[in-house]
Amino acid sequence: MYRLTEKQLRERMKKQVYTESKKGITYSEKSKRLAGMNIYVTNTQFLFSPLAN
């Protein structure tokens, strides 16, 4: 799990605002917070992941 850079976060928020206004939907606060993170899923063993250390 990694946090986005400020530039990436601004770009995602800009897209969310555009989608909310065009489609008339609203994102929950949880969805807005999760938009600031990247999660990479692989099939490697947990012992070899950086989070295991």
N, C-alpha and C. Protein backbone atom coordinates (compact mmCIF):
# COMPACT_ATOMS: atom_id res chain seq x y z
N MET A 1 0.86 -1.16 0.00
CA MET A 1 0.00 0.00 0.00
C MET A 1 0.91 1.23 0.00
N TYR A 2 0.64 2.13 -0.90
CA TYR A 2 1.46 3.33 -1.04
C TYR A 2 0.58 4.56 -1.14
N ARG A 3 1.04 5.65 -0.57
CA ARG A 3 0.34 6.93 -0.71
C ARG A 3 0.76 7.58 -2.03
N LEU A 4 -0.17 8.33 -2.59
CA LEU A 4 0.12 9.04 -3.83
C LEU A 4 0.87 10.33 -3.55
N THR A 5 1.51 10.84 -4.58
CA THR A 5 2.14 12.15 -4.46
C THR A 5 1.04 13.21 -4.47
N GLU A 6 1.38 14.42 -4.09
CA GLU A 6 0.39 15.50 -4.06
C GLU A 6 -0.19 15.76 -5.44
N LYS A 7 0.63 15.69 -6.46
CA LYS A 7 0.16 15.92 -7.83
C LYS A 7 -0.83 14.84 -8.25
N GLN A 8 -0.52 13.58 -7.96
CA GLN A 8 -1.41 12.48 -8.30
C GLN A 8 -2.73 12.60 -7.53
N LEU A 9 -2.64 12.99 -6.27
CA LEU A 9 -3.84 13.13 -5.46
C LEU A 9 -4.74 14.25 -5.98
N ARG A 10 -4.15 15.38 -6.35
CA ARG A 10 -4.94 16.48 -6.92
C ARG A 10 -5.64 16.04 -8.20
N GLU A 11 -4.94 15.28 -9.04
CA GLU A 11 -5.52 14.82 -10.30
C GLU A 11 -6.70 13.87 -10.06
N ARG A 12 -6.56 12.97 -9.10
CA ARG A 12 -7.66 12.05 -8.78
C ARG A 12 -8.86 12.79 -8.21
N MET A 13 -8.60 13.76 -7.33
CA MET A 13 -9.69 14.54 -6.75
C MET A 13 -10.42 15.34 -7.83
N LYS A 14 -9.65 15.87 -8.76
CA LYS A 14 -10.23 16.64 -9.87
C LYS A 14 -11.16 15.75 -10.70
N LYS A 15 -10.74 14.52 -10.96
CA LYS A 15 -11.57 13.57 -11.71
C LYS A 15 -12.82 13.19 -10.93
N GLN A 16 -12.69 13.04 -9.60
CA GLN A 16 -13.85 12.70 -8.78
C GLN A 16 -14.87 13.83 -8.80
N VAL A 17 -14.41 15.06 -8.68
CA VAL A 17 -15.32 16.21 -8.70
C VAL A 17 -16.04 16.28 -10.04
N TYR A 18 -15.31 16.03 -11.12
CA TYR A 18 -15.91 16.06 -12.46
C TYR A 18 -16.97 14.97 -12.58
N THR A 19 -16.66 13.77 -12.11
CA THR A 19 -17.60 12.66 -12.19
C THR A 19 -18.84 12.94 -11.33
N GLU A 20 -18.63 13.50 -10.15
CA GLU A 20 -19.76 13.82 -9.28
C GLU A 20 -20.69 14.83 -9.94
N SER A 21 -20.13 15.84 -10.57
CA SER A 21 -20.97 16.87 -11.17
C SER A 21 -21.66 16.38 -12.44
N LYS A 22 -20.98 15.59 -13.25
CA LYS A 22 -21.56 15.13 -14.51
C LYS A 22 -22.59 14.03 -14.31
N LYS A 23 -22.31 13.08 -13.44
CA LYS A 23 -23.20 11.93 -13.26
C LYS A 23 -24.16 12.10 -12.10
N GLY A 24 -24.00 13.15 -11.33
CA GLY A 24 -24.91 13.42 -10.23
C GLY A 24 -24.76 12.45 -9.07
N ILE A 25 -23.58 11.88 -8.90
CA ILE A 25 -23.35 10.97 -7.78
C ILE A 25 -22.43 11.65 -6.78
N THR A 26 -22.45 11.15 -5.56
CA THR A 26 -21.53 11.68 -4.55
C THR A 26 -20.72 10.53 -3.98
N TYR A 27 -19.44 10.73 -3.83
CA TYR A 27 -18.56 9.74 -3.25
C TYR A 27 -18.59 9.88 -1.74
N SER A 28 -18.52 8.76 -1.04
CA SER A 28 -18.47 8.80 0.42
C SER A 28 -17.10 9.29 0.87
N GLU A 29 -17.01 9.69 2.12
CA GLU A 29 -15.74 10.15 2.67
C GLU A 29 -14.70 9.03 2.63
N LYS A 30 -15.16 7.81 2.84
CA LYS A 30 -14.25 6.66 2.80
C LYS A 30 -13.66 6.51 1.40
N SER A 31 -14.48 6.63 0.38
CA SER A 31 -14.00 6.52 -1.00
C SER A 31 -13.02 7.63 -1.33
N LYS A 32 -13.28 8.81 -0.82
CA LYS A 32 -12.39 9.94 -1.08
C LYS A 32 -11.03 9.73 -0.41
N ARG A 33 -11.03 9.16 0.79
CA ARG A 33 -9.76 8.87 1.47
C ARG A 33 -9.00 7.76 0.75
N LEU A 34 -9.71 6.73 0.31
CA LEU A 34 -9.06 5.61 -0.36
C LEU A 34 -8.52 5.99 -1.73
N ALA A 35 -9.03 7.06 -2.31
CA ALA A 35 -8.52 7.50 -3.61
C ALA A 35 -7.09 7.99 -3.50
N GLY A 36 -6.64 8.28 -2.30
CA GLY A 36 -5.28 8.77 -2.10
C GLY A 36 -4.26 7.67 -1.90
N MET A 37 -4.66 6.42 -2.13
CA MET A 37 -3.74 5.30 -1.92
C MET A 37 -3.74 4.38 -3.13
N ASN A 38 -2.61 3.76 -3.36
CA ASN A 38 -2.48 2.71 -4.36
C ASN A 38 -2.25 1.40 -3.63
N ILE A 39 -2.93 0.38 -4.06
CA ILE A 39 -2.74 -0.95 -3.49
C ILE A 39 -2.34 -1.87 -4.63
N TYR A 40 -1.19 -2.50 -4.48
CA TYR A 40 -0.71 -3.44 -5.48
C TYR A 40 -0.94 -4.85 -4.97
N VAL A 41 -1.60 -5.66 -5.79
CA VAL A 41 -1.88 -7.04 -5.42
C VAL A 41 -1.05 -7.95 -6.31
N THR A 42 -0.25 -8.79 -5.69
CA THR A 42 0.55 -9.76 -6.43
C THR A 42 0.35 -11.13 -5.80
N ASN A 43 0.89 -12.12 -6.45
CA ASN A 43 0.75 -13.46 -5.90
C ASN A 43 2.06 -13.95 -5.27
N THR A 44 2.88 -13.02 -4.77
CA THR A 44 4.09 -13.41 -4.06
C THR A 44 3.73 -13.75 -2.62
N GLN A 45 4.56 -14.51 -1.98
CA GLN A 45 4.31 -14.88 -0.60
C GLN A 45 4.45 -13.67 0.31
N PHE A 46 3.67 -13.64 1.36
CA PHE A 46 3.67 -12.51 2.29
C PHE A 46 5.03 -12.31 2.95
N LEU A 47 5.75 -13.38 3.15
CA LEU A 47 7.06 -13.28 3.81
C LEU A 47 8.05 -12.46 3.02
N PHE A 48 7.87 -12.37 1.71
CA PHE A 48 8.80 -11.64 0.86
C PHE A 48 8.36 -10.21 0.58
N SER A 49 7.22 -9.82 1.11
CA SER A 49 6.72 -8.47 0.86
C SER A 49 7.38 -7.49 1.82
N PRO A 50 7.49 -6.20 1.41
CA PRO A 50 8.09 -5.20 2.30
C PRO A 50 7.28 -4.97 3.57
N LEU A 51 5.98 -5.26 3.53
CA LEU A 51 5.14 -5.04 4.71
C LEU A 51 5.37 -6.11 5.78
N ALA A 52 5.93 -7.25 5.39
CA ALA A 52 6.16 -8.33 6.35
C ALA A 52 7.33 -8.01 7.27
N ASN A 53 8.19 -7.12 6.85
CA ASN A 53 9.38 -6.80 7.66
C ASN A 53 9.03 -5.81 8.67
